[in-house]
Amino acid sequence: MINENGISPCPDKARAINDIPVPSNIKAAISFVKMAEYYRNHIPNFSTLAQPLFDLTKKNA
């Protein structure tokens, strides 16, 4: 959303992301990371927060 305070994610979409279940396999983890990366500009310290998920998507994790 764009308003006088700047750019922010739509509250309904942010809530939907919050309600996504924890990924139970590598394919689901990769899918979640890719979706979350879309909002990385709105998530402070995204790379640090997402690092455990990035690690799970590596071979032999």
PDB file of N, CA and C in Angstrom:
ATOM      1  N   MET A   1       0.830  -1.161   0.000  1.00  0.00           N
ATOM      2  CA  MET A   1       0.000   0.000   0.000  1.00  0.00           C
ATOM      3  C   MET A   1       0.888   1.242   0.000  1.00  0.00           C
ATOM      4  N   ILE A   2       0.447   2.226  -0.697  1.00  0.00           N
ATOM      5  CA  ILE A   2       1.165   3.497  -0.742  1.00  0.00           C
ATOM      6  C   ILE A   2       0.263   4.560  -0.123  1.00  0.00           C
ATOM      7  N   ASN A   3       0.809   5.274   0.847  1.00  0.00           N
ATOM      8  CA  ASN A   3       0.063   6.372   1.459  1.00  0.00           C
ATOM      9  C   ASN A   3       1.037   7.466   1.878  1.00  0.00           C
ATOM     10  N   GLU A   4       0.561   8.426   2.649  1.00  0.00           N
ATOM     11  CA  GLU A   4       1.410   9.550   3.037  1.00  0.00           C
ATOM     12  C   GLU A   4       2.591   9.135   3.916  1.00  0.00           C
ATOM     13  N   ASN A   5       2.524   7.940   4.509  1.00  0.00           N
ATOM     14  CA  ASN A   5       3.613   7.442   5.357  1.00  0.00           C
ATOM     15  C   ASN A   5       4.640   6.620   4.590  1.00  0.00           C
ATOM     16  N   GLY A   6       4.393   6.352   3.308  1.00  0.00           N
ATOM     17  CA  GLY A   6       5.328   5.581   2.496  1.00  0.00           C
ATOM     18  C   GLY A   6       4.688   4.324   1.936  1.00  0.00           C
ATOM     19  N   ILE A   7       5.503   3.295   1.750  1.00  0.00           N
ATOM     20  CA  ILE A   7       5.051   2.028   1.177  1.00  0.00           C
ATOM     21  C   ILE A   7       5.052   0.975   2.277  1.00  0.00           C
ATOM     22  N   SER A   8       3.995   0.191   2.332  1.00  0.00           N
ATOM     23  CA  SER A   8       3.915  -0.898   3.299  1.00  0.00           C
ATOM     24  C   SER A   8       3.095  -2.032   2.693  1.00  0.00           C
ATOM     25  N   PRO A   9       3.307  -3.260   3.181  1.00  0.00           N
ATOM     26  CA  PRO A   9       2.531  -4.375   2.645  1.00  0.00           C
ATOM     27  C   PRO A   9       1.061  -4.264   3.064  1.00  0.00           C
ATOM     28  N   CYS A  10       0.208  -4.811   2.259  1.00  0.00           N
ATOM     29  CA  CYS A  10      -1.222  -4.844   2.558  1.00  0.00           C
ATOM     30  C   CYS A  10      -1.433  -5.693   3.822  1.00  0.00           C
ATOM     31  N   PRO A  11      -2.143  -5.184   4.822  1.00  0.00           N
ATOM     32  CA  PRO A  11      -2.329  -5.939   6.064  1.00  0.00           C
ATOM     33  C   PRO A  11      -2.944  -7.323   5.855  1.00  0.00           C
ATOM     34  N   ASP A  12      -3.899  -7.456   4.947  1.00  0.00           N
ATOM     35  CA  ASP A  12      -4.522  -8.761   4.704  1.00  0.00           C
ATOM     36  C   ASP A  12      -3.511  -9.760   4.158  1.00  0.00           C
ATOM     37  N   LYS A  13      -2.649  -9.306   3.250  1.00  0.00           N
ATOM     38  CA  LYS A  13      -1.642 -10.204   2.680  1.00  0.00           C
ATOM     39  C   LYS A  13      -0.581 -10.550   3.712  1.00  0.00           C
ATOM     40  N   ALA A  14      -0.202  -9.592   4.537  1.00  0.00           N
ATOM     41  CA  ALA A  14       0.769  -9.863   5.596  1.00  0.00           C
ATOM     42  C   ALA A  14       0.195 -10.877   6.584  1.00  0.00           C
ATOM     43  N   ARG A  15      -1.077 -10.750   6.916  1.00  0.00           N
ATOM     44  CA  ARG A  15      -1.735 -11.689   7.825  1.00  0.00           C
ATOM     45  C   ARG A  15      -1.774 -13.084   7.204  1.00  0.00           C
ATOM     46  N   ALA A  16      -2.045 -13.159   5.912  1.00  0.00           N
ATOM     47  CA  ALA A  16      -2.090 -14.453   5.226  1.00  0.00           C
ATOM     48  C   ALA A  16      -0.728 -15.138   5.279  1.00  0.00           C
ATOM     49  N   ILE A  17       0.338 -14.376   5.121  1.00  0.00           N
ATOM     50  CA  ILE A  17       1.687 -14.949   5.200  1.00  0.00           C
ATOM     51  C   ILE A  17       1.953 -15.446   6.612  1.00  0.00           C
ATOM     52  N   ASN A  18       1.528 -14.678   7.593  1.00  0.00           N
ATOM     53  CA  ASN A  18       1.719 -15.066   8.987  1.00  0.00           C
ATOM     54  C   ASN A  18       1.013 -16.377   9.309  1.00  0.00           C
ATOM     55  N   ASP A  19      -0.091 -16.656   8.641  1.00  0.00           N
ATOM     56  CA  ASP A  19      -0.901 -17.840   8.920  1.00  0.00           C
ATOM     57  C   ASP A  19      -0.469 -19.082   8.144  1.00  0.00           C
ATOM     58  N   ILE A  20       0.547 -18.964   7.301  1.00  0.00           N
ATOM     59  CA  ILE A  20       1.027 -20.122   6.541  1.00  0.00           C
ATOM     60  C   ILE A  20       1.647 -21.122   7.510  1.00  0.00           C
ATOM     61  N   PRO A  21       1.308 -22.410   7.389  1.00  0.00           N
ATOM     62  CA  PRO A  21       1.899 -23.406   8.286  1.00  0.00           C
ATOM     63  C   PRO A  21       3.409 -23.538   8.069  1.00  0.00           C
ATOM     64  N   VAL A  22       4.100 -24.005   9.082  1.00  0.00           N
ATOM     65  CA  VAL A  22       5.543 -24.224   8.997  1.00  0.00           C
ATOM     66  C   VAL A  22       5.809 -25.242   7.891  1.00  0.00           C
ATOM     67  N   PRO A  23       6.759 -24.964   6.988  1.00  0.00           N
ATOM     68  CA  PRO A  23       7.070 -25.913   5.909  1.00  0.00           C
ATOM     69  C   PRO A  23       7.486 -27.269   6.479  1.00  0.00           C
ATOM     70  N   SER A  24       6.984 -28.342   5.879  1.00  0.00           N
ATOM     71  CA  SER A  24       7.274 -29.686   6.394  1.00  0.00           C
ATOM     72  C   SER A  24       8.243 -30.463   5.508  1.00  0.00           C
ATOM     73  N   ASN A  25       8.654 -29.876   4.384  1.00  0.00           N
ATOM     74  CA  ASN A  25       9.632 -30.537   3.522  1.00  0.00           C
ATOM     75  C   ASN A  25      10.413 -29.468   2.756  1.00  0.00           C
ATOM     76  N   ILE A  26      11.448 -29.896   2.048  1.00  0.00           N
ATOM     77  CA  ILE A  26      12.319 -28.943   1.355  1.00  0.00           C
ATOM     78  C   ILE A  26      11.558 -28.168   0.285  1.00  0.00           C
ATOM     79  N   LYS A  27      10.707 -28.849  -0.461  1.00  0.00           N
ATOM     80  CA  LYS A  27       9.950 -28.167  -1.517  1.00  0.00           C
ATOM     81  C   LYS A  27       9.080 -27.053  -0.929  1.00  0.00           C
ATOM     82  N   ALA A  28       8.426 -27.326   0.191  1.00  0.00           N
ATOM     83  CA  ALA A  28       7.589 -26.315   0.844  1.00  0.00           C
ATOM     84  C   ALA A  28       8.442 -25.176   1.399  1.00  0.00           C
ATOM     85  N   ALA A  29       9.625 -25.496   1.927  1.00  0.00           N
ATOM     86  CA  ALA A  29      10.525 -24.465   2.459  1.00  0.00           C
ATOM     87  C   ALA A  29      10.997 -23.540   1.340  1.00  0.00           C
ATOM     88  N   ILE A  30      11.372 -24.118   0.208  1.00  0.00           N
ATOM     89  CA  ILE A  30      11.814 -23.313  -0.935  1.00  0.00           C
ATOM     90  C   ILE A  30      10.677 -22.418  -1.411  1.00  0.00           C
ATOM     91  N   SER A  31       9.487 -22.968  -1.501  1.00  0.00           N
ATOM     92  CA  SER A  31       8.328 -22.196  -1.940  1.00  0.00           C
ATOM     93  C   SER A  31       8.072 -21.023  -0.994  1.00  0.00           C
ATOM     94  N   PHE A  32       8.149 -21.274   0.308  1.00  0.00           N
ATOM     95  CA  PHE A  32       7.921 -20.210   1.282  1.00  0.00           C
ATOM     96  C   PHE A  32       8.991 -19.130   1.181  1.00  0.00           C
ATOM     97  N   VAL A  33      10.261 -19.537   1.068  1.00  0.00           N
ATOM     98  CA  VAL A  33      11.360 -18.567   0.976  1.00  0.00           C
ATOM     99  C   VAL A  33      11.182 -17.685  -0.254  1.00  0.00           C
ATOM    100  N   LYS A  34      10.838 -18.285  -1.381  1.00  0.00           N
ATOM    101  CA  LYS A  34      10.653 -17.500  -2.607  1.00  0.00           C
ATOM    102  C   LYS A  34       9.504 -16.511  -2.456  1.00  0.00           C
ATOM    103  N   MET A  35       8.425 -16.942  -1.823  1.00  0.00           N
ATOM    104  CA  MET A  35       7.297 -16.047  -1.612  1.00  0.00           C
ATOM    105  C   MET A  35       7.688 -14.930  -0.644  1.00  0.00           C
ATOM    106  N   ALA A  36       8.375 -15.264   0.426  1.00  0.00           N
ATOM    107  CA  ALA A  36       8.769 -14.265   1.425  1.00  0.00           C
ATOM    108  C   ALA A  36       9.756 -13.256   0.852  1.00  0.00           C
ATOM    109  N   GLU A  37      10.610 -13.696  -0.065  1.00  0.00           N
ATOM    110  CA  GLU A  37      11.585 -12.782  -0.665  1.00  0.00           C
ATOM    111  C   GLU A  37      10.908 -11.619  -1.384  1.00  0.00           C
ATOM    112  N   TYR A  38       9.705 -11.831  -1.856  1.00  0.00           N
ATOM    113  CA  TYR A  38       8.962 -10.763  -2.525  1.00  0.00           C
ATOM    114  C   TYR A  38       8.775  -9.569  -1.580  1.00  0.00           C
ATOM    115  N   TYR A  39       8.641  -9.850  -0.293  1.00  0.00           N
ATOM    116  CA  TYR A  39       8.396  -8.810   0.707  1.00  0.00           C
ATOM    117  C   TYR A  39       9.654  -8.406   1.472  1.00  0.00           C
ATOM    118  N   ARG A  40      10.829  -8.843   1.034  1.00  0.00           N
ATOM    119  CA  ARG A  40      12.065  -8.609   1.791  1.00  0.00           C
ATOM    120  C   ARG A  40      12.347  -7.137   2.071  1.00  0.00           C
ATOM    121  N   ASN A  41      11.905  -6.249   1.201  1.00  0.00           N
ATOM    122  CA  ASN A  41      12.135  -4.819   1.432  1.00  0.00           C
ATOM    123  C   ASN A  41      11.314  -4.273   2.597  1.00  0.00           C
ATOM    124  N   HIS A  42      10.298  -5.009   3.009  1.00  0.00           N
ATOM    125  CA  HIS A  42       9.429  -4.572   4.099  1.00  0.00           C
ATOM    126  C   HIS A  42       9.704  -5.331   5.393  1.00  0.00           C
ATOM    127  N   ILE A  43      10.676  -6.244   5.370  1.00  0.00           N
ATOM    128  CA  ILE A  43      10.991  -7.058   6.548  1.00  0.00           C
ATOM    129  C   ILE A  43      12.389  -6.697   7.021  1.00  0.00           C
ATOM    130  N   PRO A  44      12.490  -5.974   8.139  1.00  0.00           N
ATOM    131  CA  PRO A  44      13.824  -5.628   8.649  1.00  0.00           C
ATOM    132  C   PRO A  44      14.638  -6.891   8.931  1.00  0.00           C
ATOM    133  N   ASN A  45      15.900  -6.880   8.537  1.00  0.00           N
ATOM    134  CA  ASN A  45      16.820  -8.004   8.761  1.00  0.00           C
ATOM    135  C   ASN A  45      16.341  -9.297   8.099  1.00  0.00           C
ATOM    136  N   PHE A  46      15.708  -9.168   6.943  1.00  0.00           N
ATOM    137  CA  PHE A  46      15.157 -10.346   6.277  1.00  0.00           C
ATOM    138  C   PHE A  46      16.196 -11.437   6.070  1.00  0.00           C
ATOM    139  N   SER A  47      17.367 -11.083   5.577  1.00  0.00           N
ATOM    140  CA  SER A  47      18.366 -12.114   5.276  1.00  0.00           C
ATOM    141  C   SER A  47      18.778 -12.874   6.532  1.00  0.00           C
ATOM    142  N   THR A  48      18.895 -12.183   7.653  1.00  0.00           N
ATOM    143  CA  THR A  48      19.248 -12.849   8.909  1.00  0.00           C
ATOM    144  C   THR A  48      18.109 -13.747   9.379  1.00  0.00           C
ATOM    145  N   LEU A  49      16.889 -13.248   9.302  1.00  0.00           N
ATOM    146  CA  LEU A  49      15.733 -14.032   9.733  1.00  0.00           C
ATOM    147  C   LEU A  49      15.509 -15.258   8.854  1.00  0.00           C
ATOM    148  N   ALA A  50      15.762 -15.116   7.562  1.00  0.00           N
ATOM    149  CA  ALA A  50      15.495 -16.202   6.618  1.00  0.00           C
ATOM    150  C   ALA A  50      16.650 -17.189   6.498  1.00  0.00           C
ATOM    151  N   GLN A  51      17.812 -16.877   7.046  1.00  0.00           N
ATOM    152  CA  GLN A  51      18.983 -17.741   6.881  1.00  0.00           C
ATOM    153  C   GLN A  51      18.720 -19.201   7.263  1.00  0.00           C
ATOM    154  N   PRO A  52      18.043 -19.492   8.379  1.00  0.00           N
ATOM    155  CA  PRO A  52      17.767 -20.906   8.689  1.00  0.00           C
ATOM    156  C   PRO A  52      16.972 -21.611   7.589  1.00  0.00           C
ATOM    157  N   LEU A  53      16.050 -20.898   6.949  1.00  0.00           N
ATOM    158  CA  LEU A  53      15.298 -21.511   5.851  1.00  0.00           C
ATOM    159  C   LEU A  53      16.181 -21.704   4.629  1.00  0.00           C
ATOM    160  N   PHE A  54      17.053 -20.724   4.342  1.00  0.00           N
ATOM    161  CA  PHE A  54      17.997 -20.888   3.235  1.00  0.00           C
ATOM    162  C   PHE A  54      18.868 -22.116   3.476  1.00  0.00           C
ATOM    163  N   ASP A  55      19.310 -22.298   4.720  1.00  0.00           N
ATOM    164  CA  ASP A  55      20.153 -23.443   5.057  1.00  0.00           C
ATOM    165  C   ASP A  55      19.414 -24.761   4.829  1.00  0.00           C
ATOM    166  N   LEU A  56      18.123 -24.790   5.128  1.00  0.00           N
ATOM    167  CA  LEU A  56      17.335 -26.010   4.931  1.00  0.00           C
ATOM    168  C   LEU A  56      17.185 -26.384   3.464  1.00  0.00           C
ATOM    169  N   THR A  57      17.298 -25.409   2.576  1.00  0.00           N
ATOM    170  CA  THR A  57      17.100 -25.686   1.154  1.00  0.00           C
ATOM    171  C   THR A  57      18.369 -26.186   0.469  1.00  0.00           C
ATOM    172  N   LYS A  58      19.480 -26.205   1.201  1.00  0.00           N
ATOM    173  CA  LYS A  58      20.735 -26.673   0.619  1.00  0.00           C
ATOM    174  C   LYS A  58      20.769 -28.197   0.602  1.00  0.00           C
ATOM    175  N   LYS A  59      21.554 -28.749  -0.322  1.00  0.00           N
ATOM    176  CA  LYS A  59      21.721 -30.198  -0.391  1.00  0.00           C
ATOM    177  C   LYS A  59      22.309 -30.714   0.911  1.00  0.00           C
ATOM    178  N   ASN A  60      21.874 -31.903   1.310  1.00  0.00           N
ATOM    179  CA  ASN A  60      22.357 -32.578   2.518  1.00  0.00           C
ATOM    180  C   ASN A  60      22.073 -31.789   3.789  1.00  0.00           C
ATOM    181  N   ALA A  61      21.013 -31.016   3.779  1.00  0.00           N
ATOM    182  CA  ALA A  61      20.663 -30.246   4.988  1.00  0.00           C
ATOM    183  C   ALA A  61      19.904 -31.112   5.964  1.00  0.00           C
TER     184      ALA A  61
END
